[in-house]
């Protein structure tokens, strides 16, 4: 008789800090949005935008899809 055991491994997601230049009008629009949507942060907006961009441009990787959905619905990444 064979016994199967399941092992759960905690996966931590490393983060990278980015410094980017964007047009001031885009930044102001994002700040206006953040001021009226307190559950969103600049990091969450950028994660949602970047992961959506990658998915729309042919990156079909489950972790990118998950990051997009997590950021969209407010789940911890």
C-alpha atoms as a PDB file:
ATOM      1  CA  UNK A   1       0.000   0.000   0.000  1.00  0.00           C
ATOM      2  CA  UNK A   2       1.307   3.436  -0.941  1.00  0.00           C
ATOM      3  CA  UNK A   3       0.637   6.486   1.194  1.00  0.00           C
ATOM      4  CA  UNK A   4       0.679   9.922  -0.386  1.00  0.00           C
ATOM      5  CA  UNK A   5       1.468  12.974   1.658  1.00  0.00           C
ATOM      6  CA  UNK A   6       0.817  16.532   0.653  1.00  0.00           C
ATOM      7  CA  UNK A   7       3.326  19.222   1.429  1.00  0.00           C
ATOM      8  CA  UNK A   8       2.403  22.869   1.487  1.00  0.00           C
ATOM      9  CA  UNK A   9       5.188  25.263   0.644  1.00  0.00           C
ATOM     10  CA  UNK A  10       4.841  28.938   1.428  1.00  0.00           C
ATOM     11  CA  UNK A  11       5.797  31.050  -1.554  1.00  0.00           C
ATOM     12  CA  UNK A  12       6.881  34.589  -0.915  1.00  0.00           C
ATOM     13  CA  UNK A  13       6.825  37.117  -3.685  1.00  0.00           C
ATOM     14  CA  UNK A  14       9.859  39.333  -3.848  1.00  0.00           C
ATOM     15  CA  UNK A  15       9.221  42.944  -4.704  1.00  0.00           C
ATOM     16  CA  UNK A  16      11.293  45.396  -6.708  1.00  0.00           C
ATOM     17  CA  UNK A  17      11.197  49.150  -6.333  1.00  0.00           C
ATOM     18  CA  UNK A  18      10.905  51.126  -9.580  1.00  0.00           C
ATOM     19  CA  UNK A  19      11.553  54.771 -10.274  1.00  0.00           C
ATOM     20  CA  UNK A  20       9.744  55.914 -13.411  1.00  0.00           C
ATOM     21  CA  UNK A  21       9.005  59.226 -15.049  1.00  0.00           C
ATOM     22  CA  UNK A  22       5.424  59.755 -16.187  1.00  0.00           C
ATOM     23  CA  UNK A  23       3.692  62.835 -17.570  1.00  0.00           C
ATOM     24  CA  UNK A  24       2.516  65.128 -14.787  1.00  0.00           C
ATOM     25  CA  UNK A  25      -1.077  64.986 -16.037  1.00  0.00           C
ATOM     26  CA  UNK A  26      -1.063  61.190 -15.715  1.00  0.00           C
ATOM     27  CA  UNK A  27       0.322  61.435 -12.189  1.00  0.00           C
ATOM     28  CA  UNK A  28      -2.296  64.024 -11.209  1.00  0.00           C
ATOM     29  CA  UNK A  29      -5.068  61.837 -12.610  1.00  0.00           C
ATOM     30  CA  UNK A  30      -3.787  58.878 -10.611  1.00  0.00           C
ATOM     31  CA  UNK A  31      -3.610  61.014  -7.454  1.00  0.00           C
ATOM     32  CA  UNK A  32      -7.193  62.205  -8.021  1.00  0.00           C
ATOM     33  CA  UNK A  33      -8.279  58.572  -8.342  1.00  0.00           C
ATOM     34  CA  UNK A  34      -6.384  57.539  -5.210  1.00  0.00           C
ATOM     35  CA  UNK A  35      -7.877  60.431  -3.233  1.00  0.00           C
ATOM     36  CA  UNK A  36     -11.382  59.131  -3.942  1.00  0.00           C
ATOM     37  CA  UNK A  37     -10.650  55.387  -3.720  1.00  0.00           C
ATOM     38  CA  UNK A  38      -9.051  54.839  -0.338  1.00  0.00           C
ATOM     39  CA  UNK A  39      -8.695  51.066  -0.748  1.00  0.00           C
ATOM     40  CA  UNK A  40      -6.284  51.604  -3.638  1.00  0.00           C
ATOM     41  CA  UNK A  41      -2.625  52.563  -3.345  1.00  0.00           C
ATOM     42  CA  UNK A  42      -0.110  53.756  -5.902  1.00  0.00           C
ATOM     43  CA  UNK A  43       1.540  50.337  -5.742  1.00  0.00           C
ATOM     44  CA  UNK A  44      -1.758  48.543  -6.341  1.00  0.00           C
ATOM     45  CA  UNK A  45      -2.591  50.768  -9.333  1.00  0.00           C
ATOM     46  CA  UNK A  46       0.835  50.194 -10.879  1.00  0.00           C
ATOM     47  CA  UNK A  47       0.661  46.428 -10.303  1.00  0.00           C
ATOM     48  CA  UNK A  48      -2.771  46.252 -11.927  1.00  0.00           C
ATOM     49  CA  UNK A  49      -1.691  48.413 -14.873  1.00  0.00           C
ATOM     50  CA  UNK A  50       1.580  46.602 -15.546  1.00  0.00           C
ATOM     51  CA  UNK A  51       0.141  43.111 -15.229  1.00  0.00           C
ATOM     52  CA  UNK A  52      -2.814  44.022 -17.497  1.00  0.00           C
ATOM     53  CA  UNK A  53      -0.403  45.486 -20.065  1.00  0.00           C
ATOM     54  CA  UNK A  54       1.634  42.268 -20.060  1.00  0.00           C
ATOM     55  CA  UNK A  55      -1.456  40.062 -20.424  1.00  0.00           C
ATOM     56  CA  UNK A  56      -2.811  42.181 -23.283  1.00  0.00           C
ATOM     57  CA  UNK A  57       0.529  41.909 -25.060  1.00  0.00           C
ATOM     58  CA  UNK A  58       0.852  38.155 -25.094  1.00  0.00           C
ATOM     59  CA  UNK A  59       2.427  37.298 -21.748  1.00  0.00           C
ATOM     60  CA  UNK A  60       0.456  34.226 -20.735  1.00  0.00           C
ATOM     61  CA  UNK A  61       1.947  33.347 -17.364  1.00  0.00           C
ATOM     62  CA  UNK A  62      -0.234  32.220 -14.451  1.00  0.00           C
ATOM     63  CA  UNK A  63       1.636  34.337 -11.891  1.00  0.00           C
ATOM     64  CA  UNK A  64       1.050  37.503 -13.963  1.00  0.00           C
ATOM     65  CA  UNK A  65      -2.653  36.650 -14.280  1.00  0.00           C
ATOM     66  CA  UNK A  66      -2.851  36.049 -10.520  1.00  0.00           C
ATOM     67  CA  UNK A  67      -1.125  39.332  -9.699  1.00  0.00           C
ATOM     68  CA  UNK A  68      -3.592  41.171 -11.937  1.00  0.00           C
ATOM     69  CA  UNK A  69      -6.622  39.560 -10.329  1.00  0.00           C
ATOM     70  CA  UNK A  70      -5.208  40.033  -6.827  1.00  0.00           C
ATOM     71  CA  UNK A  71      -4.601  43.726  -7.435  1.00  0.00           C
ATOM     72  CA  UNK A  72      -7.966  44.221  -9.109  1.00  0.00           C
ATOM     73  CA  UNK A  73      -9.956  42.598  -6.309  1.00  0.00           C
ATOM     74  CA  UNK A  74      -7.802  43.780  -3.421  1.00  0.00           C
ATOM     75  CA  UNK A  75      -6.320  40.451  -2.408  1.00  0.00           C
ATOM     76  CA  UNK A  76      -2.845  40.224  -0.943  1.00  0.00           C
ATOM     77  CA  UNK A  77      -0.283  39.412  -3.596  1.00  0.00           C
END
